[in-house]
């Protein structure tokens, strides 16, 4: 006996598939990046001993970033400036994973447009805008 299940709407399948694969890829990147840092310690964006020393001195997060990189990383620029280091590659994986809603909503908005569900297009655009503001560092807590 076969079970006939209803097919999920196209916009759900598009969004779900993209979230699944980008999250899976992000996890792999975040798993591989620290291995690069371990096996090639000279090719890291930040020296962990220096970083821990700054933390134990009681410096704030912003002061630590400035001490490590010479500037506050506006628009979370640390990972793309250090992409070919273990740390930078891992930060890219985290950035990719935390912005997965943005990457999934863009094609989903196209599907919503084709289905003439314009209220969801507008809502999705607002969510995309909020993700961009948060991911860029323009809006932050504290």
C-alpha atoms as a PDB file:
ATOM      1  CA  UNK A   1       0.000   0.000   0.000  1.00  0.00           C
ATOM      2  CA  UNK A   2       1.495   3.304  -1.018  1.00  0.00           C
ATOM      3  CA  UNK A   3       0.871   6.438   0.916  1.00  0.00           C
ATOM      4  CA  UNK A   4      -0.180   9.465  -1.085  1.00  0.00           C
ATOM      5  CA  UNK A   5       1.116  12.579   0.575  1.00  0.00           C
ATOM      6  CA  UNK A   6       0.153  16.024  -0.587  1.00  0.00           C
ATOM      7  CA  UNK A   7       2.938  17.911  -2.298  1.00  0.00           C
ATOM      8  CA  UNK A   8       4.156  20.949  -0.364  1.00  0.00           C
ATOM      9  CA  UNK A   9       3.730  24.312  -2.100  1.00  0.00           C
ATOM     10  CA  UNK A  10       6.581  25.319  -4.399  1.00  0.00           C
ATOM     11  CA  UNK A  11       7.641  28.290  -2.255  1.00  0.00           C
ATOM     12  CA  UNK A  12       8.016  25.964   0.765  1.00  0.00           C
ATOM     13  CA  UNK A  13      10.108  23.485  -1.208  1.00  0.00           C
ATOM     14  CA  UNK A  14      12.343  26.220  -2.646  1.00  0.00           C
ATOM     15  CA  UNK A  15      12.936  27.868   0.726  1.00  0.00           C
ATOM     16  CA  UNK A  16      13.442  24.559   2.550  1.00  0.00           C
ATOM     17  CA  UNK A  17      15.871  23.131   0.000  1.00  0.00           C
ATOM     18  CA  UNK A  18      18.021  26.242  -0.028  1.00  0.00           C
ATOM     19  CA  UNK A  19      18.092  26.501   3.769  1.00  0.00           C
ATOM     20  CA  UNK A  20      19.005  22.806   4.010  1.00  0.00           C
ATOM     21  CA  UNK A  21      21.885  22.874   1.546  1.00  0.00           C
ATOM     22  CA  UNK A  22      23.360  26.201   2.630  1.00  0.00           C
ATOM     23  CA  UNK A  23      23.207  25.151   6.291  1.00  0.00           C
ATOM     24  CA  UNK A  24      24.849  21.825   5.420  1.00  0.00           C
ATOM     25  CA  UNK A  25      27.583  23.622   3.461  1.00  0.00           C
ATOM     26  CA  UNK A  26      28.074  26.128   6.266  1.00  0.00           C
ATOM     27  CA  UNK A  27      28.523  23.310   8.778  1.00  0.00           C
ATOM     28  CA  UNK A  28      31.138  21.648   6.567  1.00  0.00           C
ATOM     29  CA  UNK A  29      33.026  24.923   6.189  1.00  0.00           C
ATOM     30  CA  UNK A  30      32.949  25.507   9.954  1.00  0.00           C
ATOM     31  CA  UNK A  31      34.273  21.969  10.449  1.00  0.00           C
ATOM     32  CA  UNK A  32      37.088  22.276   7.900  1.00  0.00           C
ATOM     33  CA  UNK A  33      38.211  25.832   8.775  1.00  0.00           C
ATOM     34  CA  UNK A  34      39.551  25.025  12.262  1.00  0.00           C
ATOM     35  CA  UNK A  35      41.475  22.086  10.788  1.00  0.00           C
ATOM     36  CA  UNK A  36      43.302  24.521   8.520  1.00  0.00           C
ATOM     37  CA  UNK A  37      44.052  26.657  11.563  1.00  0.00           C
ATOM     38  CA  UNK A  38      45.341  23.641  13.524  1.00  0.00           C
ATOM     39  CA  UNK A  39      47.491  22.166  10.779  1.00  0.00           C
ATOM     40  CA  UNK A  40      48.775  25.521   9.502  1.00  0.00           C
ATOM     41  CA  UNK A  41      49.116  27.664  12.653  1.00  0.00           C
ATOM     42  CA  UNK A  42      51.179  30.305  10.857  1.00  0.00           C
ATOM     43  CA  UNK A  43      48.282  30.874   8.472  1.00  0.00           C
ATOM     44  CA  UNK A  44      45.710  32.174  10.952  1.00  0.00           C
ATOM     45  CA  UNK A  45      44.039  35.554  11.174  1.00  0.00           C
ATOM     46  CA  UNK A  46      44.557  35.880  14.920  1.00  0.00           C
ATOM     47  CA  UNK A  47      47.082  34.412  17.308  1.00  0.00           C
ATOM     48  CA  UNK A  48      45.044  32.603  19.979  1.00  0.00           C
ATOM     49  CA  UNK A  49      47.647  33.250  22.692  1.00  0.00           C
ATOM     50  CA  UNK A  50      47.569  36.986  22.027  1.00  0.00           C
ATOM     51  CA  UNK A  51      43.763  36.947  21.839  1.00  0.00           C
ATOM     52  CA  UNK A  52      43.415  35.139  25.181  1.00  0.00           C
ATOM     53  CA  UNK A  53      45.882  37.544  26.777  1.00  0.00           C
ATOM     54  CA  UNK A  54      43.721  40.477  25.659  1.00  0.00           C
ATOM     55  CA  UNK A  55      40.594  38.784  27.001  1.00  0.00           C
ATOM     56  CA  UNK A  56      42.202  38.155  30.394  1.00  0.00           C
ATOM     57  CA  UNK A  57      43.362  41.782  30.521  1.00  0.00           C
ATOM     58  CA  UNK A  58      39.673  42.666  30.592  1.00  0.00           C
ATOM     59  CA  UNK A  59      39.483  44.490  27.260  1.00  0.00           C
ATOM     60  CA  UNK A  60      36.109  44.901  25.579  1.00  0.00           C
ATOM     61  CA  UNK A  61      35.253  43.064  22.384  1.00  0.00           C
ATOM     62  CA  UNK A  62      35.734  46.205  20.327  1.00  0.00           C
ATOM     63  CA  UNK A  63      39.157  46.889  21.888  1.00  0.00           C
ATOM     64  CA  UNK A  64      40.235  43.307  21.153  1.00  0.00           C
ATOM     65  CA  UNK A  65      39.212  43.609  17.495  1.00  0.00           C
ATOM     66  CA  UNK A  66      41.141  46.878  17.174  1.00  0.00           C
ATOM     67  CA  UNK A  67      44.222  45.337  18.834  1.00  0.00           C
ATOM     68  CA  UNK A  68      44.108  42.315  16.515  1.00  0.00           C
ATOM     69  CA  UNK A  69      43.264  44.013  13.228  1.00  0.00           C
ATOM     70  CA  UNK A  70      43.994  47.703  13.736  1.00  0.00           C
ATOM     71  CA  UNK A  71      40.383  48.704  13.098  1.00  0.00           C
ATOM     72  CA  UNK A  72      36.840  47.776  14.030  1.00  0.00           C
ATOM     73  CA  UNK A  73      35.609  45.357  11.339  1.00  0.00           C
ATOM     74  CA  UNK A  74      32.744  47.344   9.851  1.00  0.00           C
ATOM     75  CA  UNK A  75      30.433  45.243   7.730  1.00  0.00           C
ATOM     76  CA  UNK A  76      32.079  42.207   9.321  1.00  0.00           C
ATOM     77  CA  UNK A  77      34.975  42.563   6.887  1.00  0.00           C
ATOM     78  CA  UNK A  78      37.387  40.350   8.824  1.00  0.00           C
ATOM     79  CA  UNK A  79      36.446  37.128   7.067  1.00  0.00           C
ATOM     80  CA  UNK A  80      36.796  38.406   3.511  1.00  0.00           C
ATOM     81  CA  UNK A  81      40.103  40.152   4.272  1.00  0.00           C
ATOM     82  CA  UNK A  82      41.416  36.880   5.775  1.00  0.00           C
ATOM     83  CA  UNK A  83      39.474  34.378   3.654  1.00  0.00           C
ATOM     84  CA  UNK A  84      42.473  32.162   2.898  1.00  0.00           C
ATOM     85  CA  UNK A  85      43.299  31.592   6.559  1.00  0.00           C
ATOM     86  CA  UNK A  86      41.707  28.949   8.747  1.00  0.00           C
ATOM     87  CA  UNK A  87      40.042  31.608  10.882  1.00  0.00           C
ATOM     88  CA  UNK A  88      38.766  33.610   7.938  1.00  0.00           C
ATOM     89  CA  UNK A  89      37.386  30.519   6.209  1.00  0.00           C
ATOM     90  CA  UNK A  90      35.579  29.528   9.411  1.00  0.00           C
ATOM     91  CA  UNK A  91      34.194  33.059   9.821  1.00  0.00           C
ATOM     92  CA  UNK A  92      32.911  32.821   6.248  1.00  0.00           C
ATOM     93  CA  UNK A  93      31.077  29.617   7.179  1.00  0.00           C
ATOM     94  CA  UNK A  94      29.486  31.327  10.170  1.00  0.00           C
ATOM     95  CA  UNK A  95      28.518  34.352   8.049  1.00  0.00           C
ATOM     96  CA  UNK A  96      27.011  32.087   5.405  1.00  0.00           C
ATOM     97  CA  UNK A  97      25.052  30.109   7.981  1.00  0.00           C
ATOM     98  CA  UNK A  98      23.720  33.123   9.835  1.00  0.00           C
ATOM     99  CA  UNK A  99      22.496  34.780   6.649  1.00  0.00           C
ATOM    100  CA  UNK A 100      20.873  31.652   5.214  1.00  0.00           C
ATOM    101  CA  UNK A 101      17.407  33.218   5.456  1.00  0.00           C
ATOM    102  CA  UNK A 102      18.511  35.968   3.070  1.00  0.00           C
ATOM    103  CA  UNK A 103      19.864  33.547   0.463  1.00  0.00           C
ATOM    104  CA  UNK A 104      16.726  31.402   0.688  1.00  0.00           C
ATOM    105  CA  UNK A 105      14.245  34.277   0.633  1.00  0.00           C
ATOM    106  CA  UNK A 106      15.551  35.832  -2.589  1.00  0.00           C
ATOM    107  CA  UNK A 107      14.494  32.937  -4.884  1.00  0.00           C
ATOM    108  CA  UNK A 108      11.416  32.367  -2.732  1.00  0.00           C
ATOM    109  CA  UNK A 109      10.374  35.957  -3.471  1.00  0.00           C
ATOM    110  CA  UNK A 110      10.559  35.124  -7.184  1.00  0.00           C
ATOM    111  CA  UNK A 111       8.244  32.154  -6.608  1.00  0.00           C
ATOM    112  CA  UNK A 112       5.871  34.337  -4.579  1.00  0.00           C
ATOM    113  CA  UNK A 113       5.835  36.849  -7.442  1.00  0.00           C
ATOM    114  CA  UNK A 114       4.991  34.143  -9.982  1.00  0.00           C
ATOM    115  CA  UNK A 115       2.225  32.898  -7.670  1.00  0.00           C
ATOM    116  CA  UNK A 116       0.968  36.502  -7.369  1.00  0.00           C
ATOM    117  CA  UNK A 117       1.281  36.480  -3.576  1.00  0.00           C
ATOM    118  CA  UNK A 118       2.567  40.021  -3.353  1.00  0.00           C
ATOM    119  CA  UNK A 119       1.943  40.425   0.383  1.00  0.00           C
ATOM    120  CA  UNK A 120       4.516  37.679   0.977  1.00  0.00           C
ATOM    121  CA  UNK A 121       6.941  39.323  -1.448  1.00  0.00           C
ATOM    122  CA  UNK A 122       6.755  42.530   0.609  1.00  0.00           C
ATOM    123  CA  UNK A 123       7.093  40.655   3.904  1.00  0.00           C
ATOM    124  CA  UNK A 124      10.067  38.678   2.544  1.00  0.00           C
ATOM    125  CA  UNK A 125      11.726  41.887   1.328  1.00  0.00           C
ATOM    126  CA  UNK A 126      11.372  43.398   4.807  1.00  0.00           C
ATOM    127  CA  UNK A 127      12.940  40.303   6.384  1.00  0.00           C
ATOM    128  CA  UNK A 128      15.783  40.404   3.814  1.00  0.00           C
ATOM    129  CA  UNK A 129      16.393  44.056   4.656  1.00  0.00           C
ATOM    130  CA  UNK A 130      16.536  43.252   8.393  1.00  0.00           C
ATOM    131  CA  UNK A 131      18.985  40.388   7.801  1.00  0.00           C
ATOM    132  CA  UNK A 132      21.204  42.676   5.696  1.00  0.00           C
ATOM    133  CA  UNK A 133      21.207  45.346   8.419  1.00  0.00           C
ATOM    134  CA  UNK A 134      22.076  42.816  11.110  1.00  0.00           C
ATOM    135  CA  UNK A 135      24.679  40.918   9.076  1.00  0.00           C
ATOM    136  CA  UNK A 136      26.422  44.088   7.948  1.00  0.00           C
ATOM    137  CA  UNK A 137      26.858  45.299  11.503  1.00  0.00           C
ATOM    138  CA  UNK A 138      24.883  48.488  10.922  1.00  0.00           C
ATOM    139  CA  UNK A 139      22.357  47.372  13.537  1.00  0.00           C
ATOM    140  CA  UNK A 140      23.882  45.681  16.549  1.00  0.00           C
ATOM    141  CA  UNK A 141      23.089  45.101  20.184  1.00  0.00           C
ATOM    142  CA  UNK A 142      25.077  47.101  22.695  1.00  0.00           C
END
